[in-house]
Amino acid sequence: MHEITPLSERDCFYIADRHKTAFDFPIHCHPEYELNFIGNAAGVQRTVGDHSEVIGDYDLVLITSPNLEHVWEQGSCQNKDIREITIQFTSDVLPDSLLSKNQFHSIRLMLERAQCGLAFSLSTIMKVYGKLDELARHGRGFHAVLDFLELLYELSLAEDSRTLSSSSFARIATSSESRRVNKVQQYIASHFHEEVRLDTLADLVGMTPVAFSRFFHQRTGRTLSDYITQMRLGSAARMLIDTTHTVAEICYDCGFNTLSNFNRLFRKYKGCSPTEFREHFHKKKVIV
């Protein structure tokens, strides 16, 4: 479902502070950026793209992709006083001419990462909660905009934030400050449905296979095989949602050699079988 948000063209951002007993809004997406805080909601199931997990008492997520589906579901949460603070804003609030300045460098990187959904740690949530609460209570006028920018800046400094959805599911091109890593990522994005050989990638950036493997892991935090596997699984998850292809067809279209290996890896990384993923996701969709 594509949500029509209440954000006015004349406002820099929209903020809603709700107290609720349950989550009943269906899975959705929208062109506006969204920062969503949830408190007292342990047991709620949060889904962003092809990533799903049960949250603790507090949750804070930033999403900056217009087509990335997301939803918070009741799950096993029993609390009847859940607080949800939602801030929505458009990309033109922070235009490229501003984000290109040195002082906004960390915010720019955060917004880019948040195209796949970005979850913040409990320590970061506690650090910014006061400002978030103040905005929710009194977030109007010029000074509220300054407070909002300061909130974004504080979040951009968090070193333990983590992306949620895979980039291939979110249809987001991965990027790195390393030109060699960028070159390899672009090659993988174009050829992951084929056999991707280590020596081919190493030759691409003028390194030996051993040196390249070490270099790639240091720069991305993932092994090459894990990176390719997650790229293939993200694409497979997107095809499970958007097409009627059989699981076997999707398996081979995404570069897996055997159906059994595809099923095993999908369950390992997604926590369910491909068929269960498709059925569960379709149940959450609403056609409008």
Foldseek 3Di string as FASTA:
>chain_A
DEDDDPDDPPDQKDKAKDWFQFFDAFKYFAQWKKKKKKAQQFQKWKDWQLFIDTDHRIKIKIARARPIIIGIHNGPRRDRTMIMMMMTGHPVSQDPVNCVDPVNVLLVVVNLLRNQMKIADPVLCVVCVVLSVCCNVDVDDDVNVVSVVVSSVSVSPGPPIDGGADCLLSVHQDDFPDPLLSQLSVVLLVDLLEDDDQCVSCVSNVHHSVVVQVVNCVRPVDGPVVSSLSNLLSNLLNCLAPHPDDSVVSCNSSNHDDSVVNQVSNCVVSVHGSVVSSVVSVVSDDDD
